[in-house]
Amino acid sequence: MAKSKGARIVITLECSDKSVDISEKRKPGVFRYTTTKNRRNTPNRIELKKFCPHRNRHCIFKEIK
């Protein structure tokens, strides 16, 4: 028998900073992280500040569907 999903789900975080500078050393693009969250404790979408290798700095990553 299959187990129930439970409270923990896998989510995807995407960089919310879409601005592209000409002086950027790295190529433009979209970077995503994958993590898990407890849907009972945090029912809203989460935002985390993480490092974006495309921007070469820390940016706010927002949860996407």
PDB file of N, CA and C in Angstrom:
ATOM      1  N   MET A   1       0.824  -1.186   0.000  1.00  0.00           N
ATOM      2  CA  MET A   1       0.000   0.000   0.000  1.00  0.00           C
ATOM      3  C   MET A   1       0.870   1.252   0.000  1.00  0.00           C
ATOM      4  N   ALA A   2       0.369   2.284  -0.644  1.00  0.00           N
ATOM      5  CA  ALA A   2       1.094   3.540  -0.711  1.00  0.00           C
ATOM      6  C   ALA A   2       0.837   4.366   0.545  1.00  0.00           C
ATOM      7  N   LYS A   3       1.876   5.086   0.970  1.00  0.00           N
ATOM      8  CA  LYS A   3       1.730   5.952   2.134  1.00  0.00           C
ATOM      9  C   LYS A   3       1.056   7.255   1.728  1.00  0.00           C
ATOM     10  N   SER A   4       0.444   7.908   2.704  1.00  0.00           N
ATOM     11  CA  SER A   4      -0.134   9.217   2.419  1.00  0.00           C
ATOM     12  C   SER A   4       0.976  10.254   2.303  1.00  0.00           C
ATOM     13  N   LYS A   5       0.677  11.366   1.660  1.00  0.00           N
ATOM     14  CA  LYS A   5       1.693  12.386   1.428  1.00  0.00           C
ATOM     15  C   LYS A   5       2.204  12.998   2.717  1.00  0.00           C
ATOM     16  N   GLY A   6       1.340  13.210   3.681  1.00  0.00           N
ATOM     17  CA  GLY A   6       1.756  13.814   4.927  1.00  0.00           C
ATOM     18  C   GLY A   6       1.804  15.325   4.806  1.00  0.00           C
ATOM     19  N   ALA A   7       2.444  15.971   5.751  1.00  0.00           N
ATOM     20  CA  ALA A   7       2.461  17.428   5.804  1.00  0.00           C
ATOM     21  C   ALA A   7       3.602  18.027   4.985  1.00  0.00           C
ATOM     22  N   ARG A   8       4.655  17.225   4.698  1.00  0.00           N
ATOM     23  CA  ARG A   8       5.821  17.766   4.010  1.00  0.00           C
ATOM     24  C   ARG A   8       5.675  17.648   2.497  1.00  0.00           C
ATOM     25  N   ILE A   9       5.899  18.770   1.781  1.00  0.00           N
ATOM     26  CA  ILE A   9       5.808  18.767   0.323  1.00  0.00           C
ATOM     27  C   ILE A   9       7.069  19.383  -0.261  1.00  0.00           C
ATOM     28  N   VAL A  10       7.367  19.029  -1.497  1.00  0.00           N
ATOM     29  CA  VAL A  10       8.529  19.578  -2.211  1.00  0.00           C
ATOM     30  C   VAL A  10       8.075  20.831  -2.940  1.00  0.00           C
ATOM     31  N   ILE A  11       8.846  21.923  -2.787  1.00  0.00           N
ATOM     32  CA  ILE A  11       8.526  23.181  -3.454  1.00  0.00           C
ATOM     33  C   ILE A  11       9.715  23.642  -4.274  1.00  0.00           C
ATOM     34  N   THR A  12       9.460  24.544  -5.211  1.00  0.00           N
ATOM     35  CA  THR A  12      10.502  25.123  -6.049  1.00  0.00           C
ATOM     36  C   THR A  12      10.588  26.611  -5.767  1.00  0.00           C
ATOM     37  N   LEU A  13      11.803  27.106  -5.562  1.00  0.00           N
ATOM     38  CA  LEU A  13      12.039  28.528  -5.334  1.00  0.00           C
ATOM     39  C   LEU A  13      12.716  29.115  -6.561  1.00  0.00           C
ATOM     40  N   GLU A  14      12.205  30.238  -7.063  1.00  0.00           N
ATOM     41  CA  GLU A  14      12.746  30.885  -8.251  1.00  0.00           C
ATOM     42  C   GLU A  14      13.196  32.297  -7.913  1.00  0.00           C
ATOM     43  N   CYS A  15      14.291  32.728  -8.506  1.00  0.00           N
ATOM     44  CA  CYS A  15      14.823  34.068  -8.268  1.00  0.00           C
ATOM     45  C   CYS A  15      13.815  35.104  -8.754  1.00  0.00           C
ATOM     46  N   SER A  16      13.501  36.065  -7.884  1.00  0.00           N
ATOM     47  CA  SER A  16      12.512  37.081  -8.234  1.00  0.00           C
ATOM     48  C   SER A  16      13.139  38.294  -8.891  1.00  0.00           C
ATOM     49  N   ASP A  17      14.466  38.412  -8.858  1.00  0.00           N
ATOM     50  CA  ASP A  17      15.161  39.556  -9.450  1.00  0.00           C
ATOM     51  C   ASP A  17      15.387  39.282 -10.931  1.00  0.00           C
ATOM     52  N   LYS A  18      14.608  39.934 -11.791  1.00  0.00           N
ATOM     53  CA  LYS A  18      14.683  39.694 -13.236  1.00  0.00           C
ATOM     54  C   LYS A  18      15.541  40.732 -13.957  1.00  0.00           C
ATOM     55  N   SER A  19      16.067  41.716 -13.225  1.00  0.00           N
ATOM     56  CA  SER A  19      16.858  42.759 -13.878  1.00  0.00           C
ATOM     57  C   SER A  19      18.201  42.198 -14.347  1.00  0.00           C
ATOM     58  N   VAL A  20      18.629  42.645 -15.514  1.00  0.00           N
ATOM     59  CA  VAL A  20      19.888  42.189 -16.086  1.00  0.00           C
ATOM     60  C   VAL A  20      20.780  43.401 -16.317  1.00  0.00           C
ATOM     61  N   ASP A  21      21.949  43.405 -15.712  1.00  0.00           N
ATOM     62  CA  ASP A  21      22.907  44.479 -15.912  1.00  0.00           C
ATOM     63  C   ASP A  21      23.861  44.104 -17.036  1.00  0.00           C
ATOM     64  N   ILE A  22      24.296  45.107 -17.785  1.00  0.00           N
ATOM     65  CA  ILE A  22      25.262  44.855 -18.865  1.00  0.00           C
ATOM     66  C   ILE A  22      26.614  44.486 -18.271  1.00  0.00           C
ATOM     67  N   SER A  23      26.902  45.016 -17.084  1.00  0.00           N
ATOM     68  CA  SER A  23      28.193  44.763 -16.459  1.00  0.00           C
ATOM     69  C   SER A  23      28.245  43.423 -15.724  1.00  0.00           C
ATOM     70  N   GLU A  24      27.192  42.620 -15.826  1.00  0.00           N
ATOM     71  CA  GLU A  24      27.169  41.318 -15.164  1.00  0.00           C
ATOM     72  C   GLU A  24      28.247  40.424 -15.764  1.00  0.00           C
ATOM     73  N   LYS A  25      28.954  39.714 -14.900  1.00  0.00           N
ATOM     74  CA  LYS A  25      30.007  38.823 -15.369  1.00  0.00           C
ATOM     75  C   LYS A  25      29.438  37.482 -15.838  1.00  0.00           C
ATOM     76  N   ARG A  26      28.286  37.136 -15.318  1.00  0.00           N
ATOM     77  CA  ARG A  26      27.722  35.830 -15.646  1.00  0.00           C
ATOM     78  C   ARG A  26      26.551  35.976 -16.600  1.00  0.00           C
ATOM     79  N   LYS A  27      26.174  34.875 -17.218  1.00  0.00           N
ATOM     80  CA  LYS A  27      25.104  34.904 -18.221  1.00  0.00           C
ATOM     81  C   LYS A  27      23.737  35.115 -17.568  1.00  0.00           C
ATOM     82  N   PRO A  28      22.822  35.764 -18.234  1.00  0.00           N
ATOM     83  CA  PRO A  28      21.474  35.930 -17.683  1.00  0.00           C
ATOM     84  C   PRO A  28      20.697  34.625 -17.757  1.00  0.00           C
ATOM     85  N   GLY A  29      19.730  34.485 -16.878  1.00  0.00           N
ATOM     86  CA  GLY A  29      18.912  33.282 -16.877  1.00  0.00           C
ATOM     87  C   GLY A  29      18.117  33.196 -15.602  1.00  0.00           C
ATOM     88  N   VAL A  30      17.390  32.108 -15.445  1.00  0.00           N
ATOM     89  CA  VAL A  30      16.573  31.883 -14.268  1.00  0.00           C
ATOM     90  C   VAL A  30      17.194  30.742 -13.478  1.00  0.00           C
ATOM     91  N   PHE A  31      17.380  30.963 -12.188  1.00  0.00           N
ATOM     92  CA  PHE A  31      17.952  29.925 -11.335  1.00  0.00           C
ATOM     93  C   PHE A  31      16.907  29.502 -10.326  1.00  0.00           C
ATOM     94  N   ARG A  32      16.833  28.201 -10.047  1.00  0.00           N
ATOM     95  CA  ARG A  32      15.828  27.662  -9.136  1.00  0.00           C
ATOM     96  C   ARG A  32      16.464  26.747  -8.110  1.00  0.00           C
ATOM     97  N   TYR A  33      15.919  26.800  -6.898  1.00  0.00           N
ATOM     98  CA  TYR A  33      16.273  25.880  -5.828  1.00  0.00           C
ATOM     99  C   TYR A  33      15.077  24.987  -5.558  1.00  0.00           C
ATOM    100  N   THR A  34      15.325  23.782  -5.062  1.00  0.00           N
ATOM    101  CA  THR A  34      14.269  22.874  -4.650  1.00  0.00           C
ATOM    102  C   THR A  34      14.453  22.593  -3.169  1.00  0.00           C
ATOM    103  N   THR A  35      13.362  22.657  -2.411  1.00  0.00           N
ATOM    104  CA  THR A  35      13.413  22.409  -0.981  1.00  0.00           C
ATOM    105  C   THR A  35      12.072  21.834  -0.539  1.00  0.00           C
ATOM    106  N   THR A  36      11.935  21.569   0.747  1.00  0.00           N
ATOM    107  CA  THR A  36      10.672  21.059   1.277  1.00  0.00           C
ATOM    108  C   THR A  36      10.146  22.015   2.333  1.00  0.00           C
ATOM    109  N   LYS A  37       8.833  21.976   2.525  1.00  0.00           N
ATOM    110  CA  LYS A  37       8.233  22.772   3.596  1.00  0.00           C
ATOM    111  C   LYS A  37       7.074  21.984   4.186  1.00  0.00           C
ATOM    112  N   ASN A  38       6.724  22.343   5.409  1.00  0.00           N
ATOM    113  CA  ASN A  38       5.595  21.730   6.085  1.00  0.00           C
ATOM    114  C   ASN A  38       4.368  22.574   5.786  1.00  0.00           C
ATOM    115  N   ARG A  39       3.404  22.009   5.079  1.00  0.00           N
ATOM    116  CA  ARG A  39       2.248  22.797   4.636  1.00  0.00           C
ATOM    117  C   ARG A  39       1.320  23.158   5.782  1.00  0.00           C
ATOM    118  N   ARG A  40       1.399  22.445   6.903  1.00  0.00           N
ATOM    119  CA  ARG A  40       0.575  22.803   8.063  1.00  0.00           C
ATOM    120  C   ARG A  40       1.135  24.019   8.790  1.00  0.00           C
ATOM    121  N   ASN A  41       2.453  24.120   8.914  1.00  0.00           N
ATOM    122  CA  ASN A  41       3.075  25.238   9.623  1.00  0.00           C
ATOM    123  C   ASN A  41       3.167  26.489   8.760  1.00  0.00           C
ATOM    124  N   THR A  42       3.400  26.337   7.453  1.00  0.00           N
ATOM    125  CA  THR A  42       3.537  27.486   6.551  1.00  0.00           C
ATOM    126  C   THR A  42       2.626  27.293   5.346  1.00  0.00           C
ATOM    127  N   PRO A  43       1.352  27.631   5.469  1.00  0.00           N
ATOM    128  CA  PRO A  43       0.432  27.447   4.344  1.00  0.00           C
ATOM    129  C   PRO A  43       0.643  28.475   3.237  1.00  0.00           C
ATOM    130  N   ASN A  44       1.215  29.636   3.571  1.00  0.00           N
ATOM    131  CA  ASN A  44       1.455  30.677   2.568  1.00  0.00           C
ATOM    132  C   ASN A  44       2.720  30.366   1.777  1.00  0.00           C
ATOM    133  N   ARG A  45       2.889  31.082   0.672  1.00  0.00           N
ATOM    134  CA  ARG A  45       4.119  30.926  -0.113  1.00  0.00           C
ATOM    135  C   ARG A  45       5.279  31.539   0.647  1.00  0.00           C
ATOM    136  N   ILE A  46       6.438  30.890   0.581  1.00  0.00           N
ATOM    137  CA  ILE A  46       7.579  31.390   1.339  1.00  0.00           C
ATOM    138  C   ILE A  46       8.534  32.150   0.435  1.00  0.00           C
ATOM    139  N   GLU A  47       9.301  33.047   1.047  1.00  0.00           N
ATOM    140  CA  GLU A  47      10.347  33.804   0.373  1.00  0.00           C
ATOM    141  C   GLU A  47      11.616  33.655   1.197  1.00  0.00           C
ATOM    142  N   LEU A  48      12.690  33.255   0.545  1.00  0.00           N
ATOM    143  CA  LEU A  48      13.973  33.084   1.216  1.00  0.00           C
ATOM    144  C   LEU A  48      15.042  33.861   0.470  1.00  0.00           C
ATOM    145  N   LYS A  49      16.012  34.374   1.206  1.00  0.00           N
ATOM    146  CA  LYS A  49      17.130  35.068   0.592  1.00  0.00           C
ATOM    147  C   LYS A  49      18.259  34.063   0.420  1.00  0.00           C
ATOM    148  N   LYS A  50      18.586  33.760  -0.847  1.00  0.00           N
ATOM    149  CA  LYS A  50      19.603  32.768  -1.162  1.00  0.00           C
ATOM    150  C   LYS A  50      20.540  33.333  -2.234  1.00  0.00           C
ATOM    151  N   PHE A  51      21.637  32.628  -2.478  1.00  0.00           N
ATOM    152  CA  PHE A  51      22.613  33.074  -3.462  1.00  0.00           C
ATOM    153  C   PHE A  51      22.171  32.669  -4.860  1.00  0.00           C
ATOM    154  N   CYS A  52      22.193  33.628  -5.789  1.00  0.00           N
ATOM    155  CA  CYS A  52      21.862  33.370  -7.190  1.00  0.00           C
ATOM    156  C   CYS A  52      23.153  33.418  -8.010  1.00  0.00           C
ATOM    157  N   PRO A  53      23.578  32.303  -8.581  1.00  0.00           N
ATOM    158  CA  PRO A  53      24.812  32.303  -9.360  1.00  0.00           C
ATOM    159  C   PRO A  53      24.709  33.093 -10.660  1.00  0.00           C
ATOM    160  N   HIS A  54      23.497  33.303 -11.179  1.00  0.00           N
ATOM    161  CA  HIS A  54      23.343  34.085 -12.402  1.00  0.00           C
ATOM    162  C   HIS A  54      23.534  35.573 -12.126  1.00  0.00           C
ATOM    163  N   ARG A  55      23.144  36.025 -10.942  1.00  0.00           N
ATOM    164  CA  ARG A  55      23.317  37.429 -10.554  1.00  0.00           C
ATOM    165  C   ARG A  55      24.616  37.647  -9.786  1.00  0.00           C
ATOM    166  N   ASN A  56      25.202  36.567  -9.280  1.00  0.00           N
ATOM    167  CA  ASN A  56      26.441  36.582  -8.504  1.00  0.00           C
ATOM    168  C   ASN A  56      26.264  37.383  -7.205  1.00  0.00           C
ATOM    169  N   ARG A  57      25.080  37.271  -6.608  1.00  0.00           N
ATOM    170  CA  ARG A  57      24.793  37.935  -5.337  1.00  0.00           C
ATOM    171  C   ARG A  57      23.576  37.269  -4.704  1.00  0.00           C
ATOM    172  N   HIS A  58      23.243  37.675  -3.481  1.00  0.00           N
ATOM    173  CA  HIS A  58      22.080  37.150  -2.791  1.00  0.00           C
ATOM    174  C   HIS A  58      20.821  37.871  -3.274  1.00  0.00           C
ATOM    175  N   CYS A  59      19.775  37.106  -3.561  1.00  0.00           N
ATOM    176  CA  CYS A  59      18.494  37.635  -4.038  1.00  0.00           C
ATOM    177  C   CYS A  59      17.377  36.961  -3.257  1.00  0.00           C
ATOM    178  N   ILE A  60      16.175  37.510  -3.378  1.00  0.00           N
ATOM    179  CA  ILE A  60      15.009  36.905  -2.771  1.00  0.00           C
ATOM    180  C   ILE A  60      14.441  35.870  -3.746  1.00  0.00           C
ATOM    181  N   PHE A  61      14.269  34.647  -3.244  1.00  0.00           N
ATOM    182  CA  PHE A  61      13.692  33.558  -4.025  1.00  0.00           C
ATOM    183  C   PHE A  61      12.281  33.329  -3.526  1.00  0.00           C
ATOM    184  N   LYS A  62      11.323  33.276  -4.461  1.00  0.00           N
ATOM    185  CA  LYS A  62       9.924  33.091  -4.107  1.00  0.00           C
ATOM    186  C   LYS A  62       9.454  31.722  -4.558  1.00  0.00           C
ATOM    187  N   GLU A  63       8.521  31.170  -3.819  1.00  0.00           N
ATOM    188  CA  GLU A  63       7.959  29.864  -4.137  1.00  0.00           C
ATOM    189  C   GLU A  63       7.069  29.967  -5.379  1.00  0.00           C
ATOM    190  N   ILE A  64       7.232  29.008  -6.291  1.00  0.00           N
ATOM    191  CA  ILE A  64       6.387  28.942  -7.476  1.00  0.00           C
ATOM    192  C   ILE A  64       5.659  27.611  -7.464  1.00  0.00           C
ATOM    193  N   LYS A  65       4.647  27.480  -8.277  1.00  0.00           N
ATOM    194  CA  LYS A  65       3.893  26.218  -8.347  1.00  0.00           C
ATOM    195  C   LYS A  65       4.546  25.260  -9.302  1.00  0.00           C
TER     196      LYS A  65
END
